[in-house]
């Protein structure tokens, strides 16, 4: 970074350097704040590739895909390389233009890329295919890339893990949960740094994710209501006990109110409690049924995929 900043006046270089440092520090926890810092650096030194790279990366992380697309394209013009094609295509996809993403993928097919960049391009292309409803073709693309790179020693394990994670994610969308779990496990074994979050997806598929949201009690009541072995007489006994307890509370309340001064008014109106009850009824619906597991794959295809892992 210092080498690129040397061409700037010292005061400007210091300001740009501080903004870039702040953007890099904030990127993971506060991508919007990081993007704001990077934009200040761009106003001071828009022609520096390191500045445009910082703006593009933070914009992408903050979900500002149109802005990221603009800066990534500028970076490609500055560098003359093709390493930015995957993220440019992904921005197009995020903007709802899968056809444009596929056009860029076709352009990238004839470009010179390292294996990690080629994997990123493959995953974006597969995602665009899936966006267009071409899930079978998307799976085929990922399967082929897995086979091609299975024994590539020069390829880092993180890229291999990301490729398998993308494949597993597509399988989940197709309802092939058992096979998806196997591929998430394969990704987790390669993902030593936990970049993909494959372990979390495995736990989710295994039903080990606990939801402590406000609607937990409502969900449990819904499950009880659907239980065929549940004895409704327990509810009747509970309601009777509750009504007796409520009557007792009313009698105590009447005795207490009779001792108060007559000019003291009620603090709350009944309709306020009615409004509160109405609000509570608008909680999120309970969790629906899980997707069925499809068993349509042939045994021979399963064996090939297991060997690829």
C-alpha atoms as a PDB file:
ATOM      1  CA  UNK A   1       0.000   0.000   0.000  1.00  0.00           C
ATOM      2  CA  UNK A   2       2.801   2.423   0.843  1.00  0.00           C
ATOM      3  CA  UNK A   3       4.301   2.020  -2.613  1.00  0.00           C
ATOM      4  CA  UNK A   4       1.067   3.134  -4.305  1.00  0.00           C
ATOM      5  CA  UNK A   5       0.608   6.053  -1.922  1.00  0.00           C
ATOM      6  CA  UNK A   6       4.070   7.484  -2.561  1.00  0.00           C
ATOM      7  CA  UNK A   7       2.871   9.281  -5.665  1.00  0.00           C
ATOM      8  CA  UNK A   8       0.499  11.403  -3.570  1.00  0.00           C
ATOM      9  CA  UNK A   9       1.365  14.518  -1.586  1.00  0.00           C
ATOM     10  CA  UNK A  10       2.348  13.489   1.962  1.00  0.00           C
ATOM     11  CA  UNK A  11      -0.730  15.005   3.612  1.00  0.00           C
ATOM     12  CA  UNK A  12      -3.093  13.343   1.139  1.00  0.00           C
ATOM     13  CA  UNK A  13      -1.234  10.038   1.368  1.00  0.00           C
ATOM     14  CA  UNK A  14      -1.609  10.011   5.160  1.00  0.00           C
ATOM     15  CA  UNK A  15      -5.335  10.688   4.948  1.00  0.00           C
ATOM     16  CA  UNK A  16      -5.899   8.040   2.291  1.00  0.00           C
ATOM     17  CA  UNK A  17      -3.835   5.506   4.205  1.00  0.00           C
ATOM     18  CA  UNK A  18      -5.807   6.077   7.391  1.00  0.00           C
ATOM     19  CA  UNK A  19      -9.127   5.695   5.556  1.00  0.00           C
ATOM     20  CA  UNK A  20      -8.013   2.465   3.887  1.00  0.00           C
ATOM     21  CA  UNK A  21      -6.776   1.088   7.184  1.00  0.00           C
ATOM     22  CA  UNK A  22     -10.080   1.923   8.845  1.00  0.00           C
ATOM     23  CA  UNK A  23     -12.027   0.299   5.996  1.00  0.00           C
ATOM     24  CA  UNK A  24     -10.028  -2.893   6.281  1.00  0.00           C
ATOM     25  CA  UNK A  25     -10.465  -3.009  10.053  1.00  0.00           C
ATOM     26  CA  UNK A  26     -14.219  -2.433   9.916  1.00  0.00           C
ATOM     27  CA  UNK A  27     -15.012  -4.652   6.927  1.00  0.00           C
ATOM     28  CA  UNK A  28     -16.080  -7.784   8.764  1.00  0.00           C
ATOM     29  CA  UNK A  29     -18.033  -6.215  11.618  1.00  0.00           C
ATOM     30  CA  UNK A  30     -19.378  -3.090   9.916  1.00  0.00           C
ATOM     31  CA  UNK A  31     -19.291  -3.339   6.099  1.00  0.00           C
ATOM     32  CA  UNK A  32     -21.435  -0.220   5.695  1.00  0.00           C
ATOM     33  CA  UNK A  33     -19.014   1.802   7.819  1.00  0.00           C
ATOM     34  CA  UNK A  34     -16.070   0.321   5.928  1.00  0.00           C
ATOM     35  CA  UNK A  35     -17.680   1.346   2.645  1.00  0.00           C
ATOM     36  CA  UNK A  36     -18.107   4.904   3.944  1.00  0.00           C
ATOM     37  CA  UNK A  37     -14.401   5.061   4.837  1.00  0.00           C
ATOM     38  CA  UNK A  38     -13.382   3.720   1.431  1.00  0.00           C
ATOM     39  CA  UNK A  39     -15.530   6.302  -0.364  1.00  0.00           C
ATOM     40  CA  UNK A  40     -13.689   9.093   1.445  1.00  0.00           C
ATOM     41  CA  UNK A  41     -10.396   7.614   0.233  1.00  0.00           C
ATOM     42  CA  UNK A  42     -11.770   7.501  -3.305  1.00  0.00           C
ATOM     43  CA  UNK A  43     -12.617  11.197  -3.199  1.00  0.00           C
ATOM     44  CA  UNK A  44      -8.983  11.886  -2.321  1.00  0.00           C
ATOM     45  CA  UNK A  45      -7.312   9.446  -4.731  1.00  0.00           C
ATOM     46  CA  UNK A  46      -9.774   7.907  -7.168  1.00  0.00           C
ATOM     47  CA  UNK A  47      -7.127   6.865  -9.686  1.00  0.00           C
ATOM     48  CA  UNK A  48      -5.211   4.544  -7.402  1.00  0.00           C
ATOM     49  CA  UNK A  49      -6.039   0.862  -8.007  1.00  0.00           C
ATOM     50  CA  UNK A  50      -5.660   0.082  -4.303  1.00  0.00           C
ATOM     51  CA  UNK A  51      -8.324   2.668  -3.501  1.00  0.00           C
ATOM     52  CA  UNK A  52     -10.734   1.423  -6.160  1.00  0.00           C
ATOM     53  CA  UNK A  53     -10.183  -2.134  -4.920  1.00  0.00           C
ATOM     54  CA  UNK A  54     -11.053  -1.086  -1.374  1.00  0.00           C
ATOM     55  CA  UNK A  55     -14.208   0.698  -2.552  1.00  0.00           C
ATOM     56  CA  UNK A  56     -15.296  -2.273  -4.666  1.00  0.00           C
ATOM     57  CA  UNK A  57     -14.691  -4.822  -1.919  1.00  0.00           C
ATOM     58  CA  UNK A  58     -16.463  -2.838   0.798  1.00  0.00           C
ATOM     59  CA  UNK A  59     -19.377  -1.977  -1.500  1.00  0.00           C
ATOM     60  CA  UNK A  60     -19.791  -5.661  -2.311  1.00  0.00           C
ATOM     61  CA  UNK A  61     -19.683  -6.609   1.380  1.00  0.00           C
ATOM     62  CA  UNK A  62     -22.253  -3.917   2.175  1.00  0.00           C
ATOM     63  CA  UNK A  63     -24.640  -5.191  -0.508  1.00  0.00           C
ATOM     64  CA  UNK A  64     -24.132  -2.147  -2.743  1.00  0.00           C
ATOM     65  CA  UNK A  65     -23.778  -4.289  -5.836  1.00  0.00           C
ATOM     66  CA  UNK A  66     -24.246  -1.586  -8.461  1.00  0.00           C
ATOM     67  CA  UNK A  67     -21.492   0.511  -6.890  1.00  0.00           C
ATOM     68  CA  UNK A  68     -19.280  -2.560  -6.540  1.00  0.00           C
ATOM     69  CA  UNK A  69     -19.881  -3.440 -10.179  1.00  0.00           C
ATOM     70  CA  UNK A  70     -18.780   0.027 -11.294  1.00  0.00           C
ATOM     71  CA  UNK A  71     -15.529  -0.115  -9.334  1.00  0.00           C
ATOM     72  CA  UNK A  72     -14.718  -3.706 -10.256  1.00  0.00           C
ATOM     73  CA  UNK A  73     -15.106  -2.823 -13.910  1.00  0.00           C
ATOM     74  CA  UNK A  74     -12.829   0.177 -13.384  1.00  0.00           C
ATOM     75  CA  UNK A  75     -10.288  -2.107 -11.714  1.00  0.00           C
ATOM     76  CA  UNK A  76     -10.369  -4.487 -14.648  1.00  0.00           C
ATOM     77  CA  UNK A  77      -9.691  -1.606 -17.037  1.00  0.00           C
ATOM     78  CA  UNK A  78      -6.797  -0.455 -14.846  1.00  0.00           C
ATOM     79  CA  UNK A  79      -5.212  -3.885 -14.458  1.00  0.00           C
ATOM     80  CA  UNK A  80      -6.091  -5.371 -17.833  1.00  0.00           C
ATOM     81  CA  UNK A  81      -6.539  -8.763 -16.134  1.00  0.00           C
ATOM     82  CA  UNK A  82      -9.444 -11.190 -15.895  1.00  0.00           C
ATOM     83  CA  UNK A  83      -9.262 -11.977 -12.186  1.00  0.00           C
ATOM     84  CA  UNK A  84     -12.226  -9.692 -11.527  1.00  0.00           C
ATOM     85  CA  UNK A  85     -14.592 -11.457 -13.938  1.00  0.00           C
ATOM     86  CA  UNK A  86     -16.111 -13.813 -11.325  1.00  0.00           C
ATOM     87  CA  UNK A  87     -17.050 -11.020  -8.923  1.00  0.00           C
ATOM     88  CA  UNK A  88     -18.285  -8.833 -11.797  1.00  0.00           C
ATOM     89  CA  UNK A  89     -20.553 -11.673 -12.908  1.00  0.00           C
ATOM     90  CA  UNK A  90     -21.708 -12.215  -9.333  1.00  0.00           C
ATOM     91  CA  UNK A  91     -22.661  -8.540  -9.039  1.00  0.00           C
ATOM     92  CA  UNK A  92     -24.755  -8.883 -12.186  1.00  0.00           C
ATOM     93  CA  UNK A  93     -26.425 -11.921 -10.706  1.00  0.00           C
ATOM     94  CA  UNK A  94     -27.095 -10.078  -7.429  1.00  0.00           C
ATOM     95  CA  UNK A  95     -28.713  -7.285  -9.452  1.00  0.00           C
ATOM     96  CA  UNK A  96     -31.153  -9.791 -10.943  1.00  0.00           C
ATOM     97  CA  UNK A  97     -29.343 -10.285 -14.273  1.00  0.00           C
ATOM     98  CA  UNK A  98     -28.394 -13.976 -14.476  1.00  0.00           C
ATOM     99  CA  UNK A  99     -28.246 -13.815 -18.283  1.00  0.00           C
ATOM    100  CA  UNK A 100     -25.564 -11.127 -18.075  1.00  0.00           C
ATOM    101  CA  UNK A 101     -23.693 -13.232 -15.540  1.00  0.00           C
ATOM    102  CA  UNK A 102     -23.715 -16.142 -18.005  1.00  0.00           C
ATOM    103  CA  UNK A 103     -22.421 -13.874 -20.758  1.00  0.00           C
ATOM    104  CA  UNK A 104     -19.476 -12.924 -18.564  1.00  0.00           C
ATOM    105  CA  UNK A 105     -18.919 -16.591 -17.699  1.00  0.00           C
ATOM    106  CA  UNK A 106     -18.717 -17.378 -21.401  1.00  0.00           C
ATOM    107  CA  UNK A 107     -16.163 -14.607 -21.798  1.00  0.00           C
ATOM    108  CA  UNK A 108     -14.180 -16.008 -18.875  1.00  0.00           C
ATOM    109  CA  UNK A 109     -14.059 -19.465 -20.490  1.00  0.00           C
ATOM    110  CA  UNK A 110     -11.352 -18.235 -22.842  1.00  0.00           C
ATOM    111  CA  UNK A 111      -9.469 -16.235 -20.221  1.00  0.00           C
ATOM    112  CA  UNK A 112      -6.335 -17.258 -18.387  1.00  0.00           C
ATOM    113  CA  UNK A 113      -7.221 -17.817 -14.732  1.00  0.00           C
ATOM    114  CA  UNK A 114      -5.659 -19.630 -11.823  1.00  0.00           C
ATOM    115  CA  UNK A 115      -7.606 -22.587 -10.431  1.00  0.00           C
ATOM    116  CA  UNK A 116      -9.057 -20.694  -7.451  1.00  0.00           C
ATOM    117  CA  UNK A 117     -10.436 -17.947  -9.722  1.00  0.00           C
ATOM    118  CA  UNK A 118     -11.788 -20.550 -12.141  1.00  0.00           C
ATOM    119  CA  UNK A 119     -13.652 -22.209  -9.269  1.00  0.00           C
ATOM    120  CA  UNK A 120     -15.206 -18.880  -8.297  1.00  0.00           C
ATOM    121  CA  UNK A 121     -16.311 -18.374 -11.886  1.00  0.00           C
ATOM    122  CA  UNK A 122     -17.796 -21.862 -11.998  1.00  0.00           C
ATOM    123  CA  UNK A 123     -19.796 -21.280  -8.826  1.00  0.00           C
ATOM    124  CA  UNK A 124     -21.178 -17.981 -10.127  1.00  0.00           C
ATOM    125  CA  UNK A 125     -22.140 -19.615 -13.421  1.00  0.00           C
ATOM    126  CA  UNK A 126     -23.845 -22.463 -11.581  1.00  0.00           C
ATOM    127  CA  UNK A 127     -25.707 -19.957  -9.421  1.00  0.00           C
ATOM    128  CA  UNK A 128     -26.906 -18.098 -12.496  1.00  0.00           C
ATOM    129  CA  UNK A 129     -28.107 -21.359 -14.031  1.00  0.00           C
ATOM    130  CA  UNK A 130     -30.004 -22.142 -10.847  1.00  0.00           C
ATOM    131  CA  UNK A 131     -31.538 -18.654 -10.892  1.00  0.00           C
ATOM    132  CA  UNK A 132     -32.917 -19.454 -14.331  1.00  0.00           C
ATOM    133  CA  UNK A 133     -34.358 -22.761 -13.113  1.00  0.00           C
ATOM    134  CA  UNK A 134     -31.596 -24.848 -14.726  1.00  0.00           C
ATOM    135  CA  UNK A 135     -30.603 -26.686 -11.559  1.00  0.00           C
ATOM    136  CA  UNK A 136     -29.576 -29.908 -13.299  1.00  0.00           C
ATOM    137  CA  UNK A 137     -27.113 -27.985 -15.460  1.00  0.00           C
ATOM    138  CA  UNK A 138     -25.862 -26.119 -12.397  1.00  0.00           C
ATOM    139  CA  UNK A 139     -25.134 -29.417 -10.634  1.00  0.00           C
ATOM    140  CA  UNK A 140     -23.381 -30.752 -13.726  1.00  0.00           C
ATOM    141  CA  UNK A 141     -21.085 -27.720 -13.837  1.00  0.00           C
ATOM    142  CA  UNK A 142     -20.103 -28.125 -10.201  1.00  0.00           C
ATOM    143  CA  UNK A 143     -19.654 -31.909 -10.485  1.00  0.00           C
ATOM    144  CA  UNK A 144     -17.284 -31.473 -13.420  1.00  0.00           C
ATOM    145  CA  UNK A 145     -15.226 -28.846 -11.584  1.00  0.00           C
ATOM    146  CA  UNK A 146     -15.010 -31.064  -8.488  1.00  0.00           C
ATOM    147  CA  UNK A 147     -13.613 -33.900 -10.582  1.00  0.00           C
ATOM    148  CA  UNK A 148     -11.168 -31.624 -12.385  1.00  0.00           C
ATOM    149  CA  UNK A 149      -9.727 -30.180  -9.189  1.00  0.00           C
ATOM    150  CA  UNK A 150     -10.014 -33.148  -6.842  1.00  0.00           C
ATOM    151  CA  UNK A 151      -6.292 -33.934  -6.908  1.00  0.00           C
ATOM    152  CA  UNK A 152      -5.003 -30.438  -7.664  1.00  0.00           C
ATOM    153  CA  UNK A 153      -2.198 -29.941  -5.177  1.00  0.00           C
ATOM    154  CA  UNK A 154      -1.689 -26.296  -6.061  1.00  0.00           C
ATOM    155  CA  UNK A 155      -5.293 -25.498  -5.162  1.00  0.00           C
ATOM    156  CA  UNK A 156      -5.932 -24.401  -1.590  1.00  0.00           C
ATOM    157  CA  UNK A 157      -8.373 -26.368   0.557  1.00  0.00           C
ATOM    158  CA  UNK A 158     -10.610 -23.349   1.113  1.00  0.00           C
ATOM    159  CA  UNK A 159     -11.441 -23.172  -2.602  1.00  0.00           C
ATOM    160  CA  UNK A 160     -12.161 -26.902  -2.638  1.00  0.00           C
ATOM    161  CA  UNK A 161     -14.395 -26.490   0.405  1.00  0.00           C
ATOM    162  CA  UNK A 162     -16.306 -23.616  -1.190  1.00  0.00           C
ATOM    163  CA  UNK A 163     -16.902 -25.703  -4.309  1.00  0.00           C
ATOM    164  CA  UNK A 164     -18.327 -28.603  -2.317  1.00  0.00           C
ATOM    165  CA  UNK A 165     -20.412 -26.257  -0.191  1.00  0.00           C
ATOM    166  CA  UNK A 166     -21.969 -24.751  -3.340  1.00  0.00           C
ATOM    167  CA  UNK A 167     -22.773 -28.243  -4.592  1.00  0.00           C
ATOM    168  CA  UNK A 168     -24.366 -29.212  -1.270  1.00  0.00           C
ATOM    169  CA  UNK A 169     -26.416 -26.023  -1.202  1.00  0.00           C
ATOM    170  CA  UNK A 170     -27.880 -26.825  -4.607  1.00  0.00           C
ATOM    171  CA  UNK A 171     -28.769 -30.319  -3.422  1.00  0.00           C
ATOM    172  CA  UNK A 172     -30.653 -28.843  -0.466  1.00  0.00           C
ATOM    173  CA  UNK A 173     -32.651 -26.649  -2.834  1.00  0.00           C
ATOM    174  CA  UNK A 174     -33.594 -29.771  -4.793  1.00  0.00           C
ATOM    175  CA  UNK A 175     -34.698 -31.538  -1.614  1.00  0.00           C
ATOM    176  CA  UNK A 176     -31.839 -34.059  -1.660  1.00  0.00           C
ATOM    177  CA  UNK A 177     -31.000 -33.508   1.992  1.00  0.00           C
ATOM    178  CA  UNK A 178     -29.131 -36.757   2.723  1.00  0.00           C
ATOM    179  CA  UNK A 179     -26.695 -36.261  -0.136  1.00  0.00           C
ATOM    180  CA  UNK A 180     -26.390 -32.582   0.732  1.00  0.00           C
ATOM    181  CA  UNK A 181     -25.319 -33.481   4.254  1.00  0.00           C
ATOM    182  CA  UNK A 182     -22.563 -35.716   2.881  1.00  0.00           C
ATOM    183  CA  UNK A 183     -21.225 -32.879   0.755  1.00  0.00           C
ATOM    184  CA  UNK A 184     -21.456 -30.362   3.591  1.00  0.00           C
ATOM    185  CA  UNK A 185     -19.384 -32.830   5.628  1.00  0.00           C
ATOM    186  CA  UNK A 186     -16.843 -33.022   2.817  1.00  0.00           C
ATOM    187  CA  UNK A 187     -16.656 -29.223   2.765  1.00  0.00           C
ATOM    188  CA  UNK A 188     -16.272 -29.031   6.541  1.00  0.00           C
ATOM    189  CA  UNK A 189     -13.291 -31.430   6.485  1.00  0.00           C
ATOM    190  CA  UNK A 190     -11.472 -29.139   4.054  1.00  0.00           C
ATOM    191  CA  UNK A 191     -12.587 -25.906   5.689  1.00  0.00           C
ATOM    192  CA  UNK A 192     -10.239 -25.749   8.665  1.00  0.00           C
ATOM    193  CA  UNK A 193     -10.846 -22.038   9.212  1.00  0.00           C
ATOM    194  CA  UNK A 194     -14.643 -22.287   9.130  1.00  0.00           C
ATOM    195  CA  UNK A 195     -14.967 -19.906   6.182  1.00  0.00           C
ATOM    196  CA  UNK A 196     -17.942 -21.652   4.598  1.00  0.00           C
ATOM    197  CA  UNK A 197     -19.998 -22.324   7.723  1.00  0.00           C
ATOM    198  CA  UNK A 198     -20.509 -25.922   6.596  1.00  0.00           C
ATOM    199  CA  UNK A 199     -20.639 -27.156  10.196  1.00  0.00           C
ATOM    200  CA  UNK A 200     -23.591 -24.872  10.863  1.00  0.00           C
ATOM    201  CA  UNK A 201     -25.449 -26.217   7.855  1.00  0.00           C
ATOM    202  CA  UNK A 202     -24.864 -29.789   9.042  1.00  0.00           C
ATOM    203  CA  UNK A 203     -26.250 -28.898  12.448  1.00  0.00           C
ATOM    204  CA  UNK A 204     -29.237 -27.249  10.783  1.00  0.00           C
ATOM    205  CA  UNK A 205     -29.970 -30.350   8.720  1.00  0.00           C
ATOM    206  CA  UNK A 206     -29.609 -32.530  11.810  1.00  0.00           C
ATOM    207  CA  UNK A 207     -32.116 -30.382  13.657  1.00  0.00           C
ATOM    208  CA  UNK A 208     -29.616 -29.174  16.242  1.00  0.00           C
ATOM    209  CA  UNK A 209     -30.195 -25.453  15.692  1.00  0.00           C
ATOM    210  CA  UNK A 210     -32.061 -23.974  18.646  1.00  0.00           C
ATOM    211  CA  UNK A 211     -34.377 -21.012  18.097  1.00  0.00           C
ATOM    212  CA  UNK A 212     -34.790 -18.796  21.145  1.00  0.00           C
ATOM    213  CA  UNK A 213     -37.137 -16.352  19.437  1.00  0.00           C
ATOM    214  CA  UNK A 214     -40.258 -14.838  20.985  1.00  0.00           C
ATOM    215  CA  UNK A 215     -42.502 -17.306  19.196  1.00  0.00           C
ATOM    216  CA  UNK A 216     -40.912 -20.399  20.788  1.00  0.00           C
ATOM    217  CA  UNK A 217     -43.806 -20.947  23.193  1.00  0.00           C
ATOM    218  CA  UNK A 218     -46.345 -20.570  20.390  1.00  0.00           C
ATOM    219  CA  UNK A 219     -44.475 -23.127  18.290  1.00  0.00           C
ATOM    220  CA  UNK A 220     -44.516 -25.616  21.154  1.00  0.00           C
ATOM    221  CA  UNK A 221     -48.256 -25.113  21.604  1.00  0.00           C
ATOM    222  CA  UNK A 222     -48.804 -25.723  17.902  1.00  0.00           C
ATOM    223  CA  UNK A 223     -46.821 -28.938  18.103  1.00  0.00           C
ATOM    224  CA  UNK A 224     -48.860 -30.066  21.089  1.00  0.00           C
ATOM    225  CA  UNK A 225     -52.077 -29.277  19.252  1.00  0.00           C
ATOM    226  CA  UNK A 226     -50.987 -31.549  16.405  1.00  0.00           C
ATOM    227  CA  UNK A 227     -50.017 -34.437  18.724  1.00  0.00           C
ATOM    228  CA  UNK A 228     -52.499 -37.313  18.183  1.00  0.00           C
ATOM    229  CA  UNK A 229     -51.587 -38.856  21.561  1.00  0.00           C
ATOM    230  CA  UNK A 230     -52.322 -35.711  23.475  1.00  0.00           C
ATOM    231  CA  UNK A 231     -55.124 -35.902  26.077  1.00  0.00           C
ATOM    232  CA  UNK A 232     -57.498 -32.955  25.632  1.00  0.00           C
ATOM    233  CA  UNK A 233     -58.934 -33.571  29.094  1.00  0.00           C
ATOM    234  CA  UNK A 234     -55.718 -32.088  30.514  1.00  0.00           C
ATOM    235  CA  UNK A 235     -56.584 -28.811  28.814  1.00  0.00           C
ATOM    236  CA  UNK A 236     -60.097 -28.882  30.309  1.00  0.00           C
ATOM    237  CA  UNK A 237     -58.685 -29.422  33.818  1.00  0.00           C
ATOM    238  CA  UNK A 238     -56.190 -26.644  33.282  1.00  0.00           C
ATOM    239  CA  UNK A 239     -58.885 -24.233  32.109  1.00  0.00           C
ATOM    240  CA  UNK A 240     -61.072 -25.030  35.127  1.00  0.00           C
ATOM    241  CA  UNK A 241     -58.166 -24.439  37.515  1.00  0.00           C
ATOM    242  CA  UNK A 242     -57.319 -21.236  35.724  1.00  0.00           C
ATOM    243  CA  UNK A 243     -60.894 -19.952  35.924  1.00  0.00           C
ATOM    244  CA  UNK A 244     -61.070 -20.701  39.673  1.00  0.00           C
ATOM    245  CA  UNK A 245     -57.774 -18.925  40.231  1.00  0.00           C
ATOM    246  CA  UNK A 246     -58.964 -15.982  38.156  1.00  0.00           C
ATOM    247  CA  UNK A 247     -62.189 -15.708  40.193  1.00  0.00           C
ATOM    248  CA  UNK A 248     -60.172 -15.745  43.412  1.00  0.00           C
ATOM    249  CA  UNK A 249     -57.920 -12.999  42.089  1.00  0.00           C
ATOM    250  CA  UNK A 250     -60.990 -10.925  41.132  1.00  0.00           C
ATOM    251  CA  UNK A 251     -62.399 -11.200  44.660  1.00  0.00           C
ATOM    252  CA  UNK A 252     -59.116 -10.054  46.185  1.00  0.00           C
ATOM    253  CA  UNK A 253     -58.930  -7.212  43.686  1.00  0.00           C
ATOM    254  CA  UNK A 254     -62.465  -6.054  44.563  1.00  0.00           C
ATOM    255  CA  UNK A 255     -61.592  -6.045  48.281  1.00  0.00           C
ATOM    256  CA  UNK A 256     -58.507  -3.954  47.659  1.00  0.00           C
ATOM    257  CA  UNK A 257     -60.307  -1.459  45.455  1.00  0.00           C
ATOM    258  CA  UNK A 258     -63.011  -0.911  48.084  1.00  0.00           C
ATOM    259  CA  UNK A 259     -60.355   0.448  50.479  1.00  0.00           C
ATOM    260  CA  UNK A 260     -59.072   3.047  48.001  1.00  0.00           C
ATOM    261  CA  UNK A 261     -60.242   6.658  47.848  1.00  0.00           C
ATOM    262  CA  UNK A 262     -63.240   7.061  45.570  1.00  0.00           C
ATOM    263  CA  UNK A 263     -61.597   9.785  43.459  1.00  0.00           C
ATOM    264  CA  UNK A 264     -58.720   7.571  42.304  1.00  0.00           C
ATOM    265  CA  UNK A 265     -59.297   6.557  38.661  1.00  0.00           C
ATOM    266  CA  UNK A 266     -58.154   3.488  36.831  1.00  0.00           C
ATOM    267  CA  UNK A 267     -54.731   3.823  35.286  1.00  0.00           C
ATOM    268  CA  UNK A 268     -55.330   1.644  32.302  1.00  0.00           C
ATOM    269  CA  UNK A 269     -58.295   1.176  30.000  1.00  0.00           C
ATOM    270  CA  UNK A 270     -59.477  -2.285  28.993  1.00  0.00           C
ATOM    271  CA  UNK A 271     -59.088  -1.477  25.305  1.00  0.00           C
ATOM    272  CA  UNK A 272     -55.329  -1.019  25.822  1.00  0.00           C
ATOM    273  CA  UNK A 273     -55.068  -4.607  26.916  1.00  0.00           C
ATOM    274  CA  UNK A 274     -57.180  -5.617  23.927  1.00  0.00           C
ATOM    275  CA  UNK A 275     -54.738  -3.834  21.613  1.00  0.00           C
ATOM    276  CA  UNK A 276     -51.824  -5.595  23.277  1.00  0.00           C
ATOM    277  CA  UNK A 277     -53.500  -8.952  22.768  1.00  0.00           C
ATOM    278  CA  UNK A 278     -54.068  -8.132  19.107  1.00  0.00           C
ATOM    279  CA  UNK A 279     -50.420  -7.242  18.682  1.00  0.00           C
ATOM    280  CA  UNK A 280     -49.325 -10.474  20.306  1.00  0.00           C
ATOM    281  CA  UNK A 281     -51.456 -12.446  17.862  1.00  0.00           C
ATOM    282  CA  UNK A 282     -49.419 -11.088  14.952  1.00  0.00           C
ATOM    283  CA  UNK A 283     -46.293 -13.085  15.854  1.00  0.00           C
ATOM    284  CA  UNK A 284     -44.512 -15.095  13.189  1.00  0.00           C
ATOM    285  CA  UNK A 285     -46.121 -18.329  12.035  1.00  0.00           C
ATOM    286  CA  UNK A 286     -44.724 -21.560  13.351  1.00  0.00           C
ATOM    287  CA  UNK A 287     -42.074 -23.438  11.538  1.00  0.00           C
ATOM    288  CA  UNK A 288     -43.504 -25.472   8.650  1.00  0.00           C
ATOM    289  CA  UNK A 289     -42.833 -28.981   7.631  1.00  0.00           C
ATOM    290  CA  UNK A 290     -39.332 -29.768   6.447  1.00  0.00           C
ATOM    291  CA  UNK A 291     -38.788 -30.517   2.783  1.00  0.00           C
ATOM    292  CA  UNK A 292     -39.045 -34.148   1.753  1.00  0.00           C
ATOM    293  CA  UNK A 293     -35.906 -35.950   0.857  1.00  0.00           C
ATOM    294  CA  UNK A 294     -35.810 -36.940  -2.805  1.00  0.00           C
ATOM    295  CA  UNK A 295     -34.306 -40.328  -3.667  1.00  0.00           C
ATOM    296  CA  UNK A 296     -34.220 -39.914  -7.446  1.00  0.00           C
ATOM    297  CA  UNK A 297     -30.467 -40.236  -7.989  1.00  0.00           C
ATOM    298  CA  UNK A 298     -29.252 -43.566  -9.331  1.00  0.00           C
ATOM    299  CA  UNK A 299     -26.841 -45.652  -7.252  1.00  0.00           C
ATOM    300  CA  UNK A 300     -24.083 -45.329  -9.819  1.00  0.00           C
ATOM    301  CA  UNK A 301     -24.199 -41.524  -9.707  1.00  0.00           C
ATOM    302  CA  UNK A 302     -24.043 -41.638  -5.908  1.00  0.00           C
ATOM    303  CA  UNK A 303     -20.898 -43.802  -6.028  1.00  0.00           C
ATOM    304  CA  UNK A 304     -19.185 -41.378  -8.409  1.00  0.00           C
ATOM    305  CA  UNK A 305     -19.984 -38.409  -6.177  1.00  0.00           C
ATOM    306  CA  UNK A 306     -18.783 -40.211  -3.048  1.00  0.00           C
ATOM    307  CA  UNK A 307     -15.453 -40.945  -4.728  1.00  0.00           C
ATOM    308  CA  UNK A 308     -15.147 -37.260  -5.694  1.00  0.00           C
ATOM    309  CA  UNK A 309     -15.417 -36.200  -2.063  1.00  0.00           C
END
